Amino acid sequence: MCSADPPCTATCSPIYYYGTSVTLTATPSADSPLSTFTGWSNGCTGTGTCTLSMTQARSVTATFTKVVYALSLTKTSLGGGRGTITAASVGGTNTCDTGCSTQSWIYDPNTVVTLTATPDASNQSVFTGWGSGACSGVVGDCTVTMNAAKSVSATFEAPQVLTVLVTGRGTGGVSGGGISCPGTCSVTLKYGTSVRLVAEWPAGSTFAGWSSGSCGLSSVCDVTMSSPVDLIATFNPPSAVVSFSKVAANGDRKSTRLNSSH
């Protein structure tokens, strides 16, 4: 509403005597408290009062904008974790599905929004919690009152598979983190789990190393399950000594010993 004499609530064309000074004040209507005055155009500028000298016909436009607030969502995926966030309010339900990582929804002031996180069961994802923003520290569903622009973040993670292959012509095995290979050579572990794998072999066999360059020839290999891990442990058989003799034409005999693997 524009405060003048008389007041104007829509399109008005009051008549004034030549030279009259008219001061216009823009005020959101009492029946529209969710509006805000955003400025004058044509005969006036800015957002304060507008004073006109009626030495000619004048035209002024006052613009009012409905107040709304944005609720911004960010999803974080760890290890391929996926999930859906639903935002339910009296106006309906908005959804950020497994394929979306960021989303923004617009709400009227004081709208109450309930956010629900649902992990994707197809890859055993889990919802690990709300992060920074309006839902920080909340366990389970999060209720947000839109009395200002708000942001929320949610994290989903997926378990990771650890697989060990024991190979070579020797005898040996690997254990640790649920692995007991040969036997149990593959396990599914929580994202970020630290695992210590230990290679063991009987007397006579030798350990030739891991396929992971960081573990090399050490009997112990430490891994962190931030992605799927595949490791090969190679064991060699015991060495055997082979001796043979070579007789020269002059009758001299020369013996040679070679180490050989079975």
Protein backbone atom coordinates (compact mmCIF):
# COMPACT_ATOMS: atom_id res chain seq x y z
CA MET A 1 0.00 0.00 0.00
CA CYS A 2 1.24 3.48 -0.81
CA SER A 3 0.55 6.09 1.85
CA ALA A 4 -0.58 9.30 0.24
CA ASP A 5 -3.70 11.41 0.42
CA PRO A 6 -5.83 9.45 -0.25
CA PRO A 7 -4.12 6.04 0.40
CA CYS A 8 -3.59 3.78 -2.63
CA THR A 9 -3.79 -0.04 -2.53
CA ALA A 10 -3.59 -0.85 -6.24
CA THR A 11 -3.65 1.48 -9.27
CA CYS A 12 -4.55 5.02 -8.25
CA SER A 13 -4.75 8.36 -10.06
CA PRO A 14 -5.45 11.10 -7.50
CA ILE A 15 -5.70 14.73 -8.66
CA TYR A 16 -3.60 17.49 -7.07
CA TYR A 17 -3.38 21.26 -7.50
CA TYR A 18 -0.44 22.57 -9.42
CA GLY A 19 2.67 22.86 -7.21
CA THR A 20 1.40 20.55 -4.47
CA SER A 21 4.18 18.58 -2.71
CA VAL A 22 3.19 14.93 -2.33
CA THR A 23 5.12 12.47 -0.14
CA LEU A 24 4.61 8.76 -0.85
CA THR A 25 5.38 6.07 1.73
CA ALA A 26 5.27 2.35 0.80
CA THR A 27 4.01 -0.04 3.51
CA PRO A 28 3.08 -3.74 3.09
CA SER A 29 -0.64 -4.26 3.69
CA ALA A 30 -1.73 -5.58 7.07
CA ASP A 31 -3.49 -8.47 5.32
CA SER A 32 -0.28 -9.39 3.49
CA PRO A 33 2.43 -9.60 6.18
CA LEU A 34 4.57 -11.89 4.00
CA SER A 35 5.29 -9.07 1.54
CA THR A 36 8.15 -6.61 1.52
CA PHE A 37 8.60 -3.34 -0.32
CA THR A 38 11.47 -3.70 -2.80
CA GLY A 39 11.57 -0.22 -4.33
CA TRP A 40 10.20 2.60 -6.47
CA SER A 41 10.50 2.98 -10.23
CA ASN A 42 9.59 5.58 -12.84
CA GLY A 43 9.20 8.88 -10.92
CA CYS A 44 11.11 7.77 -7.78
CA THR A 45 13.99 5.47 -6.83
CA GLY A 46 15.19 3.67 -3.73
CA THR A 47 13.13 2.25 -0.88
CA GLY A 48 12.57 5.32 1.27
CA THR A 49 9.79 7.89 0.99
CA CYS A 50 9.13 9.47 -2.38
CA THR A 51 8.42 13.24 -2.59
CA LEU A 52 6.98 14.72 -5.77
CA SER A 53 6.25 18.31 -6.77
CA MET A 54 3.09 18.30 -8.87
CA THR A 55 4.19 20.76 -11.54
CA GLN A 56 3.08 18.22 -14.16
CA ALA A 57 1.46 14.81 -14.39
CA ARG A 58 3.57 12.21 -12.58
CA SER A 59 3.73 8.42 -12.69
CA VAL A 60 5.26 6.27 -9.93
CA THR A 61 5.41 2.52 -9.48
CA ALA A 62 5.88 0.78 -6.11
CA THR A 63 6.92 -2.88 -6.16
CA PHE A 64 6.10 -5.33 -3.37
CA THR A 65 7.56 -8.84 -3.31
CA LYS A 66 6.36 -11.86 -1.43
CA VAL A 67 8.82 -13.01 1.25
CA VAL A 68 10.08 -16.57 0.81
CA TYR A 69 13.02 -18.52 2.23
CA ALA A 70 15.24 -21.13 0.60
CA LEU A 71 16.06 -24.47 2.22
CA SER A 72 19.31 -25.69 0.65
CA LEU A 73 20.39 -29.35 0.84
CA THR A 74 23.81 -30.89 0.23
CA LYS A 75 24.33 -34.67 0.18
CA THR A 76 27.73 -36.28 0.70
CA SER A 77 28.53 -39.78 -0.58
CA LEU A 78 31.25 -41.90 1.04
CA GLY A 79 32.33 -45.04 -0.74
CA GLY A 80 29.44 -44.82 -3.19
CA GLY A 81 26.80 -44.37 -0.50
CA ARG A 82 23.40 -43.30 -1.81
CA GLY A 83 20.10 -42.19 -0.35
CA THR A 84 16.96 -40.09 -0.69
CA ILE A 85 16.00 -36.99 1.28
CA THR A 86 12.31 -36.04 1.49
CA ALA A 87 11.13 -32.65 2.72
CA ALA A 88 7.49 -32.73 3.87
CA SER A 89 5.40 -29.67 4.73
CA VAL A 90 1.74 -28.59 4.61
CA GLY A 91 2.36 -27.61 0.99
CA GLY A 92 3.40 -31.11 -0.05
CA THR A 93 6.56 -33.23 -0.25
CA ASN A 94 9.77 -32.41 -2.11
CA THR A 95 12.35 -35.08 -2.88
CA CYS A 96 16.08 -35.22 -3.57
CA ASP A 97 16.50 -38.77 -4.88
CA THR A 98 19.60 -40.96 -5.11
CA GLY A 99 20.78 -39.17 -8.24
CA CYS A 100 20.81 -35.65 -6.78
CA SER A 101 23.61 -34.21 -4.67
CA THR A 102 22.32 -30.66 -4.12
CA GLN A 103 18.82 -29.21 -4.02
CA SER A 104 17.07 -26.00 -2.99
CA TRP A 105 13.39 -25.59 -2.10
CA ILE A 106 11.42 -22.38 -1.51
CA TYR A 107 9.01 -21.98 1.42
CA ASP A 108 6.77 -19.31 2.89
CA PRO A 109 7.93 -17.86 6.22
CA ASN A 110 7.37 -20.06 9.29
CA THR A 111 6.63 -23.16 7.22
CA VAL A 112 7.55 -26.28 9.20
CA VAL A 113 9.51 -28.78 7.10
CA THR A 114 10.30 -32.36 8.17
CA LEU A 115 13.36 -33.88 6.52
CA THR A 116 13.69 -37.66 6.30
CA ALA A 117 16.79 -39.55 5.10
CA THR A 118 16.30 -42.99 3.51
CA PRO A 119 19.43 -44.97 2.51
CA ASP A 120 19.51 -47.01 -0.70
CA ALA A 121 19.19 -50.67 0.27
CA SER A 122 20.31 -51.87 -3.18
CA ASN A 123 23.98 -51.30 -2.28
CA GLN A 124 23.60 -51.60 1.50
CA SER A 125 24.04 -47.85 2.02
CA VAL A 126 23.52 -46.39 5.48
CA PHE A 127 22.63 -42.87 6.58
CA THR A 128 25.42 -41.70 8.89
CA GLY A 129 23.80 -38.45 9.99
CA TRP A 130 23.08 -34.78 9.41
CA GLY A 131 26.11 -32.55 9.08
CA SER A 132 26.48 -28.80 9.41
CA GLY A 133 23.50 -26.47 9.19
CA ALA A 134 20.00 -26.46 10.62
CA CYS A 135 19.99 -30.21 11.37
CA SER A 136 23.44 -30.47 12.98
CA GLY A 137 23.39 -32.96 15.86
CA VAL A 138 19.86 -34.18 15.13
CA VAL A 139 19.28 -37.95 15.22
CA GLY A 140 16.61 -39.31 12.90
CA ASP A 141 14.11 -37.02 11.16
CA CYS A 142 14.92 -33.31 11.30
CA THR A 143 12.27 -30.58 11.66
CA VAL A 144 13.13 -27.11 10.36
CA THR A 145 11.06 -23.94 10.80
CA MET A 146 11.60 -21.62 7.86
CA ASN A 147 11.91 -18.27 9.64
CA ALA A 148 15.02 -17.52 7.57
CA ALA A 149 17.03 -19.11 4.78
CA LYS A 150 18.34 -22.47 6.05
CA SER A 151 20.85 -25.09 4.89
CA VAL A 152 21.25 -28.76 5.78
CA SER A 153 23.69 -31.50 4.86
CA ALA A 154 23.33 -35.28 4.91
CA THR A 155 25.88 -38.08 4.53
CA PHE A 156 25.40 -41.59 3.18
CA GLU A 157 28.05 -44.29 3.06
CA ALA A 158 28.30 -47.76 1.56
CA PRO A 159 30.25 -50.78 2.88
CA GLN A 160 33.39 -51.87 1.05
CA VAL A 161 34.53 -55.35 -0.01
CA LEU A 162 37.94 -56.71 0.98
CA THR A 163 39.11 -59.64 -1.16
CA VAL A 164 42.30 -61.65 -0.73
CA LEU A 165 43.72 -64.19 -3.17
CA VAL A 166 46.37 -66.66 -2.00
CA THR A 167 48.49 -67.81 -4.90
CA GLY A 168 51.83 -69.41 -5.77
CA ARG A 169 53.16 -72.96 -5.55
CA GLY A 170 54.01 -72.66 -1.89
CA THR A 171 51.86 -73.03 1.22
CA GLY A 172 50.52 -70.14 3.26
CA GLY A 173 47.51 -68.15 4.35
CA VAL A 174 46.24 -64.68 5.25
CA SER A 175 44.16 -63.66 8.28
CA GLY A 176 42.73 -60.48 9.80
CA GLY A 177 39.61 -58.31 9.59
CA GLY A 178 37.36 -61.33 9.14
CA ILE A 179 39.63 -62.84 6.47
CA SER A 180 40.92 -66.39 6.98
CA CYS A 181 42.15 -67.36 3.54
CA PRO A 182 42.14 -70.04 2.18
CA GLY A 183 38.59 -70.40 3.42
CA THR A 184 37.04 -66.98 3.98
CA CYS A 185 38.75 -64.82 1.37
CA SER A 186 36.20 -62.01 0.97
CA VAL A 187 34.39 -59.88 3.57
CA THR A 188 32.22 -56.76 3.49
CA LEU A 189 33.33 -54.06 5.93
CA LYS A 190 32.06 -50.69 7.10
CA TYR A 191 33.40 -47.73 5.16
CA GLY A 192 36.62 -46.42 6.68
CA THR A 193 37.43 -49.60 8.66
CA SER A 194 41.14 -50.16 9.28
CA VAL A 195 42.27 -53.75 8.76
CA ARG A 196 45.60 -55.45 9.50
CA LEU A 197 46.22 -58.51 7.34
CA VAL A 198 48.90 -60.99 8.34
CA ALA A 199 50.51 -63.50 6.00
CA GLU A 200 51.65 -66.78 7.58
CA TRP A 201 53.43 -69.75 6.09
CA PRO A 202 54.98 -73.02 7.34
CA ALA A 203 58.65 -73.80 7.56
CA GLY A 204 60.12 -74.50 4.15
CA SER A 205 57.78 -72.16 2.22
CA THR A 206 58.62 -68.51 1.61
CA PHE A 207 56.48 -65.41 1.30
CA ALA A 208 57.01 -63.59 -2.01
CA GLY A 209 54.97 -60.50 -1.08
CA TRP A 210 51.69 -58.66 -1.60
CA SER A 211 50.30 -57.27 -4.81
CA SER A 212 49.98 -53.90 -3.02
CA GLY A 213 53.15 -51.91 -3.52
CA SER A 214 52.77 -50.23 -0.14
CA CYS A 215 52.93 -53.58 1.69
CA GLY A 216 55.70 -55.19 -0.33
CA LEU A 217 57.45 -58.14 1.31
CA SER A 218 56.27 -57.42 4.85
CA SER A 219 54.20 -60.17 6.40
CA VAL A 220 51.80 -57.45 7.67
CA CYS A 221 49.64 -55.33 5.38
CA ASP A 222 47.49 -52.48 6.73
CA VAL A 223 44.58 -51.24 4.61
CA THR A 224 41.78 -48.68 5.09
CA MET A 225 38.44 -49.51 3.53
CA SER A 226 37.67 -46.24 1.76
CA SER A 227 37.14 -48.20 -1.48
CA PRO A 228 37.06 -51.88 -2.49
CA VAL A 229 40.42 -53.58 -1.83
CA ASP A 230 41.80 -56.58 -3.74
CA LEU A 231 45.07 -58.12 -2.53
CA ILE A 232 47.13 -61.06 -3.74
CA ALA A 233 49.51 -62.87 -1.38
CA THR A 234 52.06 -65.10 -3.10
CA PHE A 235 53.84 -68.01 -1.42
CA ASN A 236 56.73 -69.97 -2.93
CA PRO A 237 57.64 -73.61 -2.26
CA PRO A 238 60.78 -74.63 -0.36
CA SER A 239 64.03 -74.71 -2.30
CA ALA A 240 65.72 -78.03 -3.24
CA VAL A 241 69.41 -78.61 -3.91
CA VAL A 242 70.32 -80.40 -7.14
CA SER A 243 73.90 -81.69 -7.58
CA PHE A 244 75.48 -82.96 -10.74
CA SER A 245 78.97 -83.77 -11.95
CA LYS A 246 80.64 -83.06 -15.24
CA VAL A 247 83.64 -85.17 -16.40
CA ALA A 248 86.14 -83.45 -18.67
CA ALA A 249 87.87 -85.21 -21.56
CA ASN A 250 91.04 -85.52 -19.46
CA GLY A 251 89.11 -87.34 -16.75
CA ASP A 252 88.74 -84.39 -14.33
CA ARG A 253 85.39 -84.30 -12.50
CA LYS A 254 83.65 -80.98 -11.63
CA SER A 255 80.62 -80.88 -9.27
CA THR A 256 77.90 -78.20 -9.36
CA ARG A 257 75.05 -77.45 -6.91
CA LEU A 258 71.88 -75.54 -7.94
CA ASN A 259 68.97 -74.36 -5.82
CA SER A 260 65.67 -75.22 -7.42
CA SER A 261 61.99 -74.76 -6.47
CA HIS A 262 59.54 -77.64 -6.72
